[in-house]
N, C-alpha and C. Protein backbone atom coordinates (compact mmCIF):
# COMPACT_ATOMS: atom_id res chain seq x y z
N MET A 1 62.53 66.77 -67.25
CA MET A 1 61.95 67.22 -68.58
C MET A 1 62.83 68.10 -69.50
N SER A 2 63.51 68.87 -68.63
CA SER A 2 64.56 69.58 -69.28
C SER A 2 65.55 69.12 -70.01
N LYS A 3 65.99 67.78 -69.77
CA LYS A 3 66.87 67.13 -70.50
C LYS A 3 66.36 66.40 -71.85
N LEU A 4 65.20 66.37 -71.88
CA LEU A 4 64.49 65.69 -73.13
C LEU A 4 64.77 66.63 -74.50
N SER A 5 64.74 65.82 -75.49
CA SER A 5 64.90 66.68 -76.75
C SER A 5 63.57 67.20 -77.12
N PRO A 6 63.54 68.34 -77.93
CA PRO A 6 62.30 69.10 -78.35
C PRO A 6 61.43 68.04 -79.14
N GLU A 7 62.03 66.96 -79.81
CA GLU A 7 61.09 66.00 -80.44
C GLU A 7 60.36 65.24 -79.80
N VAL A 8 61.06 64.71 -78.44
CA VAL A 8 60.31 63.96 -77.51
C VAL A 8 59.21 64.66 -76.87
N ILE A 9 59.58 65.74 -76.46
CA ILE A 9 58.67 66.66 -75.97
C ILE A 9 57.38 66.97 -76.61
N ALA A 10 57.68 67.03 -77.81
CA ALA A 10 56.49 67.44 -78.88
C ALA A 10 55.38 66.51 -78.97
N VAL A 11 55.72 65.00 -78.74
CA VAL A 11 54.79 64.09 -78.67
C VAL A 11 54.45 63.60 -77.39
N TYR A 12 53.30 63.55 -76.97
CA TYR A 12 53.01 63.01 -75.87
C TYR A 12 52.96 61.78 -75.35
N LYS A 13 52.83 60.77 -76.25
CA LYS A 13 53.10 59.37 -76.02
C LYS A 13 54.54 59.07 -75.70
N ASP A 14 55.32 59.70 -76.35
CA ASP A 14 56.82 59.44 -76.31
C ASP A 14 57.34 60.12 -74.80
N MET A 15 57.04 61.34 -74.73
CA MET A 15 57.35 61.94 -73.21
C MET A 15 56.73 61.23 -72.16
N LYS A 16 55.64 60.62 -72.30
CA LYS A 16 55.02 59.84 -71.11
C LYS A 16 55.88 58.54 -71.02
N ALA A 17 56.15 57.93 -71.92
CA ALA A 17 56.94 56.79 -71.97
C ALA A 17 58.17 56.88 -71.35
N VAL A 18 58.91 58.22 -71.58
CA VAL A 18 60.39 58.31 -71.07
C VAL A 18 60.18 58.58 -69.50
N ILE A 19 59.23 59.46 -69.07
CA ILE A 19 58.93 59.66 -67.64
C ILE A 19 58.70 58.64 -66.89
N LEU A 20 57.76 57.67 -67.59
CA LEU A 20 57.50 56.34 -66.76
C LEU A 20 58.53 55.54 -66.61
N GLN A 21 59.53 55.55 -67.56
CA GLN A 21 60.84 54.79 -67.52
C GLN A 21 61.81 55.30 -66.44
N GLU A 22 61.66 56.57 -66.34
CA GLU A 22 62.56 57.26 -65.31
C GLU A 22 61.97 56.99 -64.03
N LEU A 23 60.63 56.95 -63.62
CA LEU A 23 60.31 56.63 -62.46
C LEU A 23 60.03 55.21 -62.05
N LYS A 24 60.31 54.27 -63.16
CA LYS A 24 60.33 52.87 -62.90
C LYS A 24 61.48 52.43 -61.79
N LEU A 25 61.04 51.50 -60.92
CA LEU A 25 61.87 50.82 -59.97
C LEU A 25 62.90 49.99 -60.68
N SER A 26 63.95 49.75 -60.01
CA SER A 26 64.71 48.67 -60.57
C SER A 26 64.38 47.32 -60.22
N VAL A 27 64.84 46.25 -60.84
CA VAL A 27 64.43 44.86 -60.36
C VAL A 27 64.75 44.31 -59.01
N THR A 28 65.92 44.69 -58.46
CA THR A 28 66.18 44.49 -57.25
C THR A 28 65.37 45.15 -56.17
N THR A 29 64.97 46.50 -56.59
CA THR A 29 64.05 47.20 -55.71
C THR A 29 62.76 46.57 -55.48
N TYR A 30 62.15 46.11 -56.49
CA TYR A 30 60.81 45.39 -56.34
C TYR A 30 60.93 43.98 -55.52
N LEU A 31 61.97 43.28 -55.75
CA LEU A 31 62.21 42.09 -54.95
C LEU A 31 62.50 42.42 -53.49
N GLU A 32 63.30 43.70 -53.22
CA GLU A 32 63.40 43.81 -51.79
C GLU A 32 62.13 44.36 -51.00
N ARG A 33 61.43 45.15 -51.98
CA ARG A 33 60.16 45.68 -51.28
C ARG A 33 59.16 44.69 -51.01
N PHE A 34 59.06 43.58 -52.03
CA PHE A 34 58.31 42.45 -51.79
C PHE A 34 58.42 41.71 -50.56
N ASN A 35 59.83 41.59 -50.30
CA ASN A 35 60.33 40.63 -49.20
C ASN A 35 60.09 41.35 -47.72
N THR A 36 60.13 42.78 -47.97
CA THR A 36 59.95 43.41 -46.54
C THR A 36 58.82 44.13 -46.49
N CYS A 37 57.81 43.93 -47.36
CA CYS A 37 56.42 44.70 -47.38
C CYS A 37 55.58 44.19 -46.09
N GLY A 38 55.26 45.47 -45.26
CA GLY A 38 54.58 44.98 -43.92
C GLY A 38 53.21 45.79 -43.89
N LYS A 39 52.46 45.24 -43.11
CA LYS A 39 51.07 45.83 -42.87
C LYS A 39 50.92 47.10 -41.79
N ALA A 40 50.41 48.07 -42.27
CA ALA A 40 50.16 49.24 -41.44
C ALA A 40 49.12 49.04 -40.25
N THR A 41 49.11 49.55 -39.23
CA THR A 41 48.21 49.50 -38.29
C THR A 41 46.97 49.94 -38.47
N ASP A 42 46.67 50.77 -39.27
CA ASP A 42 45.42 51.37 -39.62
C ASP A 42 44.88 50.68 -40.89
N GLU A 43 45.59 49.69 -41.47
CA GLU A 43 45.25 48.97 -42.86
C GLU A 43 44.41 47.78 -42.78
N THR A 44 43.73 47.51 -43.56
CA THR A 44 42.81 46.37 -43.60
C THR A 44 43.71 45.32 -44.22
N TYR A 45 43.53 43.87 -44.15
CA TYR A 45 44.15 42.96 -44.65
C TYR A 45 43.89 42.92 -46.37
N VAL A 46 42.66 43.31 -46.51
CA VAL A 46 42.37 43.44 -48.07
C VAL A 46 43.17 44.47 -48.74
N ALA A 47 43.42 45.52 -48.31
CA ALA A 47 44.38 46.51 -48.60
C ALA A 47 45.75 46.20 -48.73
N TYR A 48 46.16 45.40 -47.70
CA TYR A 48 47.44 45.24 -47.49
C TYR A 48 47.74 44.04 -48.37
N ALA A 49 47.02 43.06 -48.90
CA ALA A 49 47.28 42.04 -49.85
C ALA A 49 47.67 42.57 -51.28
N SER A 50 46.95 43.63 -51.40
CA SER A 50 47.03 44.23 -52.99
C SER A 50 48.68 44.65 -52.94
N LYS A 51 49.25 45.20 -51.97
CA LYS A 51 50.56 45.66 -52.14
C LYS A 51 51.68 44.70 -52.46
N PRO A 52 51.70 43.53 -51.77
CA PRO A 52 52.50 42.54 -52.25
C PRO A 52 52.19 41.87 -53.52
N ARG A 53 51.02 41.85 -53.84
CA ARG A 53 50.55 41.34 -55.22
C ARG A 53 51.05 42.10 -56.31
N SER A 54 50.82 43.54 -56.16
CA SER A 54 51.28 44.37 -57.25
C SER A 54 52.71 44.36 -57.38
N LEU A 55 53.70 44.56 -56.11
CA LEU A 55 55.05 44.53 -56.25
C LEU A 55 55.38 43.03 -56.90
N LEU A 56 54.73 41.97 -56.52
CA LEU A 56 55.17 40.81 -57.29
C LEU A 56 54.82 40.77 -58.78
N ASN A 57 53.79 41.24 -59.09
CA ASN A 57 53.43 41.37 -60.52
C ASN A 57 54.43 42.33 -61.25
N TYR A 58 54.77 43.53 -60.69
CA TYR A 58 55.91 44.49 -61.29
C TYR A 58 57.31 43.76 -61.27
N TYR A 59 57.44 42.81 -60.44
CA TYR A 59 58.79 41.96 -60.46
C TYR A 59 58.82 40.98 -61.50
N LEU A 60 57.73 40.34 -61.68
CA LEU A 60 57.91 39.24 -62.88
C LEU A 60 57.80 39.93 -64.04
N GLU A 61 57.05 40.93 -64.07
CA GLU A 61 57.08 41.44 -65.48
C GLU A 61 58.56 42.03 -65.86
N SER A 62 59.06 42.63 -64.91
CA SER A 62 60.41 43.14 -65.21
C SER A 62 61.51 42.08 -65.50
N ARG A 63 61.08 40.78 -65.16
CA ARG A 63 61.93 39.47 -65.37
C ARG A 63 61.47 38.99 -66.72
N ASN A 64 60.58 39.35 -67.18
CA ASN A 64 59.82 38.70 -68.43
C ASN A 64 59.44 37.15 -67.96
N VAL A 65 58.76 37.08 -66.93
CA VAL A 65 58.37 35.68 -66.50
C VAL A 65 56.96 35.77 -66.93
N SER A 66 56.48 34.68 -67.71
CA SER A 66 55.07 34.48 -68.02
C SER A 66 54.47 33.30 -67.90
N ASP A 67 55.30 32.13 -67.50
CA ASP A 67 54.83 30.84 -67.33
C ASP A 67 55.16 30.24 -66.09
N PHE A 68 54.54 29.20 -65.68
CA PHE A 68 55.14 28.70 -64.30
C PHE A 68 56.48 28.07 -64.39
N ASP A 69 56.83 27.37 -65.28
CA ASP A 69 58.36 27.01 -65.34
C ASP A 69 59.28 28.04 -65.21
N ARG A 70 59.23 29.21 -65.91
CA ARG A 70 60.04 30.13 -65.71
C ARG A 70 59.92 30.94 -64.25
N LEU A 71 58.73 30.71 -63.70
CA LEU A 71 58.49 31.38 -62.36
C LEU A 71 59.43 30.42 -61.27
N CYS A 72 59.26 29.07 -61.41
CA CYS A 72 60.04 28.26 -60.51
C CYS A 72 61.53 28.31 -60.85
N GLU A 73 61.95 28.62 -62.04
CA GLU A 73 63.31 28.88 -62.10
C GLU A 73 63.80 30.26 -61.65
N LEU A 74 62.90 31.18 -61.71
CA LEU A 74 63.24 32.48 -61.03
C LEU A 74 63.35 32.33 -59.43
N LEU A 75 62.56 31.77 -58.89
CA LEU A 75 62.38 31.57 -57.53
C LEU A 75 63.61 31.00 -56.99
N VAL A 76 64.20 29.86 -57.76
CA VAL A 76 65.41 29.06 -57.25
C VAL A 76 66.52 29.93 -57.33
N CYS A 77 66.54 30.64 -58.39
CA CYS A 77 67.74 31.64 -58.51
C CYS A 77 67.95 32.75 -57.74
N ASP A 78 66.76 33.22 -57.31
CA ASP A 78 66.70 34.28 -56.16
C ASP A 78 67.23 33.69 -54.81
N ARG A 79 66.60 32.43 -54.75
CA ARG A 79 66.96 31.81 -53.28
C ARG A 79 68.62 31.46 -53.31
N ILE A 80 69.09 31.14 -54.47
CA ILE A 80 70.55 30.89 -54.58
C ILE A 80 71.24 32.13 -54.20
N LYS A 81 70.82 33.08 -54.72
CA LYS A 81 71.43 34.70 -54.66
C LYS A 81 71.53 35.12 -53.02
N THR A 82 70.45 34.66 -52.25
CA THR A 82 70.43 35.08 -51.02
C THR A 82 71.58 34.53 -50.08
N THR A 83 72.27 33.50 -50.53
CA THR A 83 73.34 32.76 -49.86
C THR A 83 74.77 33.34 -50.40
N LEU A 84 74.77 34.34 -51.15
CA LEU A 84 76.05 34.93 -51.78
C LEU A 84 76.39 36.14 -51.17
N SER A 85 77.72 36.48 -51.27
CA SER A 85 78.32 37.76 -50.75
C SER A 85 78.18 38.73 -51.82
N GLU A 86 78.63 40.08 -51.26
CA GLU A 86 78.62 41.17 -52.01
C GLU A 86 79.23 40.88 -53.09
N SER A 87 80.56 40.52 -53.09
CA SER A 87 81.57 40.48 -54.08
C SER A 87 81.16 39.43 -55.17
N CYS A 88 80.47 38.39 -54.75
CA CYS A 88 79.90 37.44 -55.71
C CYS A 88 78.69 37.88 -56.57
N LEU A 89 77.85 38.90 -55.99
CA LEU A 89 76.80 39.37 -56.66
C LEU A 89 77.10 40.58 -57.56
N LYS A 90 78.34 41.11 -57.17
CA LYS A 90 78.79 42.25 -58.30
C LYS A 90 79.40 41.50 -59.31
N TYR A 91 79.99 40.24 -59.20
CA TYR A 91 80.50 39.45 -60.24
C TYR A 91 79.27 39.07 -61.29
N LEU A 92 78.06 38.76 -60.62
CA LEU A 92 77.03 38.21 -61.37
C LEU A 92 76.14 39.23 -61.84
N SER A 93 76.62 40.58 -61.80
CA SER A 93 76.02 41.72 -62.66
C SER A 93 76.00 41.61 -64.07
N ILE A 94 76.79 40.65 -64.66
CA ILE A 94 76.80 40.33 -66.09
C ILE A 94 75.67 39.75 -66.47
N GLU A 95 74.76 39.54 -65.62
CA GLU A 95 73.47 38.95 -66.18
C GLU A 95 72.46 40.01 -66.73
N SER A 96 72.67 41.32 -66.25
CA SER A 96 72.03 42.43 -66.77
C SER A 96 72.04 42.67 -68.23
N SER A 97 73.26 42.09 -68.84
CA SER A 97 73.27 42.18 -70.22
C SER A 97 72.50 41.37 -71.02
N ARG A 98 71.79 40.32 -70.29
CA ARG A 98 70.97 39.36 -71.13
C ARG A 98 69.64 40.05 -71.57
N ASP A 99 68.94 39.35 -72.46
CA ASP A 99 67.67 39.85 -72.74
C ASP A 99 66.71 39.96 -71.73
N ASP A 100 66.52 38.84 -71.13
CA ASP A 100 65.37 38.74 -69.85
C ASP A 100 66.01 39.31 -68.63
N GLY A 101 67.25 39.64 -68.43
CA GLY A 101 67.86 40.38 -67.21
C GLY A 101 68.32 39.37 -66.22
N TRP A 102 68.23 38.11 -66.36
CA TRP A 102 68.79 37.17 -65.38
C TRP A 102 69.16 35.85 -65.88
N LEU A 103 70.04 35.10 -65.08
CA LEU A 103 70.59 34.00 -65.55
C LEU A 103 69.76 32.87 -65.17
N THR A 104 69.74 31.64 -65.94
CA THR A 104 68.93 30.37 -65.63
C THR A 104 69.74 29.72 -64.40
N VAL A 105 69.16 28.83 -63.73
CA VAL A 105 69.89 28.04 -62.67
C VAL A 105 71.21 27.49 -63.06
N LYS A 106 71.18 26.97 -64.20
CA LYS A 106 72.44 26.25 -64.95
C LYS A 106 73.47 27.31 -64.98
N ASP A 107 73.13 28.53 -65.83
CA ASP A 107 74.25 29.40 -66.01
C ASP A 107 74.53 30.10 -64.64
N LEU A 108 73.69 30.22 -63.87
CA LEU A 108 73.95 31.10 -62.51
C LEU A 108 75.06 30.10 -61.75
N THR A 109 74.64 28.77 -61.42
CA THR A 109 75.57 28.08 -60.59
C THR A 109 76.98 27.86 -61.39
N GLU A 110 77.15 27.75 -62.60
CA GLU A 110 78.32 27.48 -63.13
C GLU A 110 79.15 28.80 -63.12
N SER A 111 78.33 30.21 -63.05
CA SER A 111 79.03 31.24 -62.92
C SER A 111 79.52 31.45 -61.46
N ILE A 112 78.69 30.99 -60.45
CA ILE A 112 79.25 31.11 -59.13
C ILE A 112 80.49 30.28 -58.83
N ASP A 113 80.37 29.10 -59.42
CA ASP A 113 81.54 27.96 -59.18
C ASP A 113 82.88 28.54 -59.72
N ARG A 114 82.59 29.28 -61.04
CA ARG A 114 83.73 29.87 -61.36
C ARG A 114 84.54 30.94 -60.70
N PHE A 115 83.59 31.74 -60.02
CA PHE A 115 84.06 32.83 -59.18
C PHE A 115 84.69 32.31 -57.88
N VAL A 116 84.15 31.23 -57.54
CA VAL A 116 84.61 30.48 -55.94
C VAL A 116 85.76 29.96 -56.41
N ALA A 117 86.01 29.28 -57.50
CA ALA A 117 87.26 28.55 -57.77
C ALA A 117 88.44 29.54 -58.17
N SER A 118 88.04 30.61 -58.65
CA SER A 118 89.08 31.59 -59.17
C SER A 118 89.50 32.57 -57.73
N LYS A 119 88.56 33.10 -57.07
CA LYS A 119 89.00 33.98 -56.27
C LYS A 119 88.60 33.61 -54.89
N GLY A 120 87.84 32.60 -54.60
CA GLY A 120 87.22 32.09 -53.33
C GLY A 120 86.30 33.15 -52.90
N ASP A 121 85.50 32.62 -51.85
CA ASP A 121 84.29 33.57 -51.47
C ASP A 121 84.03 32.94 -49.86
N ALA A 122 83.94 34.03 -49.15
CA ALA A 122 83.54 33.61 -47.66
C ALA A 122 81.94 33.83 -47.55
N PHE A 123 81.54 33.33 -46.38
CA PHE A 123 80.09 33.27 -46.16
C PHE A 123 79.69 34.70 -45.63
N LYS A 124 79.19 35.48 -46.53
CA LYS A 124 78.57 36.75 -46.09
C LYS A 124 77.28 36.99 -46.79
N PRO A 125 76.20 36.52 -46.24
CA PRO A 125 75.05 36.76 -46.88
C PRO A 125 74.59 37.98 -47.12
N ARG A 126 73.83 38.28 -48.25
CA ARG A 126 73.37 39.86 -48.68
C ARG A 126 72.09 40.08 -47.80
N ALA A 127 71.19 39.58 -48.35
CA ALA A 127 69.87 39.97 -47.80
C ALA A 127 68.77 38.76 -47.63
N TYR A 128 67.94 38.74 -46.82
CA TYR A 128 66.82 37.62 -46.60
C TYR A 128 65.38 38.43 -46.46
N ALA A 129 64.64 37.43 -46.77
CA ALA A 129 63.14 37.91 -46.64
C ALA A 129 62.94 37.80 -45.15
N ILE A 130 61.59 38.31 -44.93
CA ILE A 130 61.02 38.46 -43.57
C ILE A 130 60.89 36.94 -43.10
N GLY A 131 61.40 36.85 -41.74
CA GLY A 131 61.28 35.52 -41.00
C GLY A 131 62.58 34.55 -41.40
N GLN A 132 63.36 34.80 -42.34
CA GLN A 132 64.34 34.01 -42.87
C GLN A 132 65.61 34.33 -41.88
N THR A 133 66.48 33.31 -41.62
CA THR A 133 67.72 33.48 -41.10
C THR A 133 68.76 32.84 -41.78
N PRO A 134 70.07 33.43 -41.65
CA PRO A 134 71.22 33.03 -42.58
C PRO A 134 71.53 31.62 -42.15
N TYR A 135 71.78 30.72 -43.04
CA TYR A 135 72.33 29.42 -42.66
C TYR A 135 73.70 29.52 -42.64
N LYS A 136 74.35 28.89 -41.42
CA LYS A 136 75.68 28.73 -41.24
C LYS A 136 75.94 27.39 -40.91
N PRO A 137 77.09 26.87 -41.44
CA PRO A 137 77.51 25.47 -41.13
C PRO A 137 77.67 25.43 -39.73
N ILE A 138 77.23 24.16 -39.39
CA ILE A 138 77.32 23.86 -37.87
C ILE A 138 78.80 23.20 -37.56
N GLN A 139 79.26 23.81 -36.47
CA GLN A 139 80.39 23.42 -36.07
C GLN A 139 80.56 22.96 -34.67
N LYS A 140 80.85 21.58 -34.57
CA LYS A 140 80.68 20.86 -33.36
C LYS A 140 81.95 21.07 -32.55
N PRO A 141 81.69 21.38 -31.29
CA PRO A 141 82.89 21.50 -30.26
C PRO A 141 83.69 20.32 -30.29
N LEU A 142 85.05 20.61 -29.97
CA LEU A 142 85.93 19.75 -30.08
C LEU A 142 86.01 18.87 -28.81
N SER A 143 85.96 17.61 -28.88
CA SER A 143 85.87 16.62 -27.74
C SER A 143 87.28 16.81 -27.14
N ASP A 144 87.33 16.04 -25.85
CA ASP A 144 88.67 15.98 -25.37
C ASP A 144 89.60 15.23 -25.99
N PHE A 145 89.15 14.27 -26.66
CA PHE A 145 90.23 13.40 -27.73
C PHE A 145 90.57 14.36 -28.94
N GLY A 146 90.05 15.16 -29.31
CA GLY A 146 90.40 16.16 -30.28
C GLY A 146 91.13 17.26 -30.15
N ARG A 147 90.94 17.63 -28.77
CA ARG A 147 91.84 18.84 -28.33
C ARG A 147 93.26 18.74 -28.24
N PRO A 148 93.86 19.54 -28.45
CA PRO A 148 95.53 19.38 -28.26
C PRO A 148 95.77 19.60 -26.76
N LYS A 149 96.75 18.77 -26.31
CA LYS A 149 97.25 18.72 -25.26
C LYS A 149 98.08 19.83 -24.90
N ALA A 150 98.20 20.36 -23.56
CA ALA A 150 98.94 21.52 -23.15
C ALA A 150 100.42 21.14 -23.03
N GLN A 151 101.20 22.04 -23.67
CA GLN A 151 102.70 21.78 -23.70
C GLN A 151 103.24 21.94 -22.39
N GLY A 152 104.40 21.59 -22.13
CA GLY A 152 105.00 21.94 -20.76
C GLY A 152 105.20 20.81 -19.82
N HIS A 153 104.04 19.79 -19.77
CA HIS A 153 104.20 18.74 -18.92
C HIS A 153 103.19 17.81 -19.44
N THR A 154 103.32 16.42 -18.96
CA THR A 154 102.43 15.38 -19.26
C THR A 154 102.11 14.92 -17.96
N SER A 155 100.79 14.48 -17.87
CA SER A 155 100.29 13.87 -16.69
C SER A 155 99.84 12.55 -16.97
N LYS A 156 100.14 11.55 -16.16
CA LYS A 156 99.77 10.10 -16.27
C LYS A 156 98.72 9.88 -15.00
N PRO A 157 97.87 8.80 -15.30
CA PRO A 157 96.98 8.34 -14.22
C PRO A 157 97.86 7.99 -13.08
N GLY A 158 97.33 8.55 -11.80
CA GLY A 158 97.83 8.32 -10.58
C GLY A 158 98.98 9.10 -10.23
N THR A 159 99.43 9.95 -10.96
CA THR A 159 100.52 10.95 -10.48
C THR A 159 99.90 12.04 -10.10
N ASP A 160 100.84 12.80 -9.33
CA ASP A 160 100.15 14.15 -8.89
C ASP A 160 99.99 15.24 -9.84
N ALA A 161 99.30 16.20 -9.45
CA ALA A 161 99.01 17.47 -10.48
C ALA A 161 100.35 18.17 -10.52
N PRO A 162 100.53 19.09 -11.66
CA PRO A 162 101.62 19.82 -11.54
C PRO A 162 101.84 20.83 -10.47
N LYS A 163 103.03 21.22 -10.19
CA LYS A 163 103.18 21.93 -8.73
C LYS A 163 102.60 23.38 -8.98
N SER A 164 102.46 23.95 -10.13
CA SER A 164 101.92 25.18 -10.45
C SER A 164 100.48 25.47 -10.11
N ALA A 165 99.80 24.06 -10.19
CA ALA A 165 98.26 24.27 -10.01
C ALA A 165 98.18 24.31 -8.37
N THR A 166 97.17 25.03 -8.06
CA THR A 166 96.95 25.41 -6.77
C THR A 166 95.55 24.68 -6.35
N ASN A 167 95.62 23.73 -5.54
CA ASN A 167 94.28 23.00 -5.24
C ASN A 167 94.28 22.62 -3.71
N VAL A 168 93.56 23.20 -3.06
CA VAL A 168 93.30 23.22 -1.64
C VAL A 168 93.10 21.81 -1.13
N ASN A 169 92.36 21.17 -1.86
CA ASN A 169 91.98 19.75 -1.54
C ASN A 169 93.02 18.81 -1.37
N ASN A 170 94.14 18.91 -2.47
CA ASN A 170 95.13 18.13 -2.44
C ASN A 170 96.43 18.42 -1.61
N THR A 171 96.16 19.74 -0.75
CA THR A 171 97.28 20.04 0.17
C THR A 171 97.51 19.01 1.18
N PRO A 172 98.75 18.42 1.39
CA PRO A 172 99.15 17.67 2.68
C PRO A 172 98.83 18.31 3.88
N ARG A 173 98.36 17.35 4.67
CA ARG A 173 97.97 17.85 6.01
C ARG A 173 99.08 18.29 6.93
N LYS A 174 100.33 18.06 6.58
CA LYS A 174 101.64 18.35 7.36
C LYS A 174 101.88 19.74 7.22
N HIS A 175 101.39 20.34 5.97
CA HIS A 175 101.56 21.89 5.66
C HIS A 175 100.45 22.65 6.13
N ILE A 176 99.48 21.89 6.81
CA ILE A 176 98.44 22.91 7.44
C ILE A 176 98.86 23.34 8.69
N THR A 177 98.61 24.63 8.87
CA THR A 177 98.98 25.13 10.26
C THR A 177 97.68 25.73 10.88
N CYS A 178 97.77 25.63 12.20
CA CYS A 178 96.57 26.24 13.13
C CYS A 178 96.86 27.59 13.33
N TYR A 179 95.86 28.48 13.10
CA TYR A 179 95.94 29.87 13.38
C TYR A 179 95.91 30.17 14.81
N GLU A 180 95.40 29.28 15.76
CA GLU A 180 95.30 29.50 17.04
C GLU A 180 96.60 29.28 17.93
N CYS A 181 97.01 27.96 17.74
CA CYS A 181 98.13 27.62 18.45
C CYS A 181 99.44 27.34 17.89
N GLY A 182 99.26 27.54 16.33
CA GLY A 182 100.62 27.49 15.67
C GLY A 182 101.12 26.33 15.30
N ARG A 183 100.53 25.06 15.63
CA ARG A 183 100.83 23.62 15.32
C ARG A 183 100.42 23.19 14.12
N PRO A 184 101.16 22.37 13.49
CA PRO A 184 100.76 21.81 12.13
C PRO A 184 99.94 20.59 12.46
N GLY A 185 99.12 20.34 11.38
CA GLY A 185 98.41 19.07 11.32
C GLY A 185 96.83 19.15 11.66
N HIS A 186 96.53 20.31 11.86
CA HIS A 186 94.94 20.54 11.88
C HIS A 186 94.65 22.18 11.95
N VAL A 187 93.30 22.43 11.78
CA VAL A 187 92.88 23.80 11.55
C VAL A 187 92.37 24.43 12.70
N ARG A 188 91.97 25.69 12.78
CA ARG A 188 91.35 26.37 13.84
C ARG A 188 90.23 25.94 14.24
N SER A 189 89.27 25.55 13.62
CA SER A 189 88.06 25.05 14.02
C SER A 189 88.13 23.74 14.96
N SER A 190 89.24 22.94 14.73
CA SER A 190 89.32 21.63 15.52
C SER A 190 90.46 21.77 16.59
N CYS A 191 91.04 23.11 16.85
CA CYS A 191 91.99 23.14 17.77
C CYS A 191 91.37 22.89 19.15
N HIS A 192 92.29 22.12 20.04
CA HIS A 192 92.09 21.97 21.50
C HIS A 192 92.43 22.97 22.32
N SER A 193 93.12 24.01 21.68
CA SER A 193 93.40 25.11 22.65
C SER A 193 92.19 26.11 22.73
N LEU A 194 91.28 26.14 21.75
CA LEU A 194 90.22 27.06 21.93
C LEU A 194 89.39 26.86 23.11
N LYS A 195 88.85 28.11 23.60
CA LYS A 195 88.15 27.97 24.96
C LYS A 195 86.72 27.44 24.48
N LYS A 196 86.21 26.42 25.17
CA LYS A 196 85.15 25.76 24.90
C LYS A 196 83.98 26.50 25.74
N PRO A 197 82.77 26.52 25.04
CA PRO A 197 81.74 27.17 25.76
C PRO A 197 81.29 26.52 27.13
N ALA A 198 80.73 27.23 27.87
CA ALA A 198 80.28 26.90 29.33
C ALA A 198 79.35 25.53 29.09
N SER A 199 78.50 25.75 28.24
CA SER A 199 77.45 24.75 27.96
C SER A 199 78.08 23.42 27.80
N LEU A 200 79.10 23.59 26.86
CA LEU A 200 79.80 22.40 26.39
C LEU A 200 80.37 21.64 27.58
N ILE A 201 81.10 22.65 28.47
CA ILE A 201 81.73 22.13 29.67
C ILE A 201 80.75 21.32 30.42
N MET A 202 79.59 21.87 30.93
CA MET A 202 78.63 21.25 31.76
C MET A 202 78.21 20.18 31.21
N PHE A 203 77.91 20.02 29.93
CA PHE A 203 77.31 18.66 29.27
C PHE A 203 78.60 17.48 29.68
N HIS A 204 79.92 17.95 29.36
CA HIS A 204 80.99 16.90 29.55
C HIS A 204 80.82 16.44 31.18
N MET A 205 80.53 17.59 31.86
CA MET A 205 80.44 17.21 33.44
C MET A 205 79.60 16.09 33.66
N LEU A 206 78.19 16.38 33.19
CA LEU A 206 77.17 15.63 33.51
C LEU A 206 77.30 14.23 32.91
N VAL A 207 77.98 14.07 31.70
CA VAL A 207 78.07 12.62 31.13
C VAL A 207 79.17 12.10 32.00
N GLN A 208 80.11 12.61 32.72
CA GLN A 208 81.23 11.97 33.45
C GLN A 208 80.38 11.64 34.65
N ASN A 209 79.48 12.32 35.44
CA ASN A 209 78.69 12.06 36.48
C ASN A 209 77.71 10.71 36.45
N VAL A 210 77.30 10.73 35.10
CA VAL A 210 76.22 9.65 34.87
C VAL A 210 76.98 8.29 34.76
N GLN A 211 78.38 8.45 34.03
CA GLN A 211 79.05 7.29 33.79
C GLN A 211 79.47 6.79 35.19
N ARG A 212 80.02 7.78 36.20
CA ARG A 212 80.03 7.38 37.51
C ARG A 212 79.13 6.51 38.30
């Protein structure tokens, strides 16, 4: 009130209009509060329903929307804006100079196309309503046919793997050495030099006696 002129303060109606104008929220704030309006734990649904309804009325009033066609136009424009980036939205701030404060679908899409064609735009969504998730283009993984082959060697069917690859299953048996006897060609578990258990020796003796 200290910034108001004495002429405005002298008239109650003018002073009230100026104060209400200063306390009035912006159009973007009304939309964000409507999208993020939640119910309190100690609040009834009757009282809760009045909050988003009031916010929606204030938002439509600030957008000068009074009929169904204009409402549909505004909803489509708001939905398009949720897919835009911050830089593109700053470019679209030119709509504030219009009488109704927003661009129609035709003017909005043409302005976006001009911005993308001149400067380009990455996918950086700004804000979403409750329960909505950003849309991202689906990128399919490359198949074996589409992946680039590793450079340095080319493998053909039926040929051995590169020498740098370490594969135990492909190791030749002549390179396998027993840790028990030191002879090649077998491993320790199948070495004949291991001391066999007494039970196994008795079993072989019984088999030999039965065969005799």
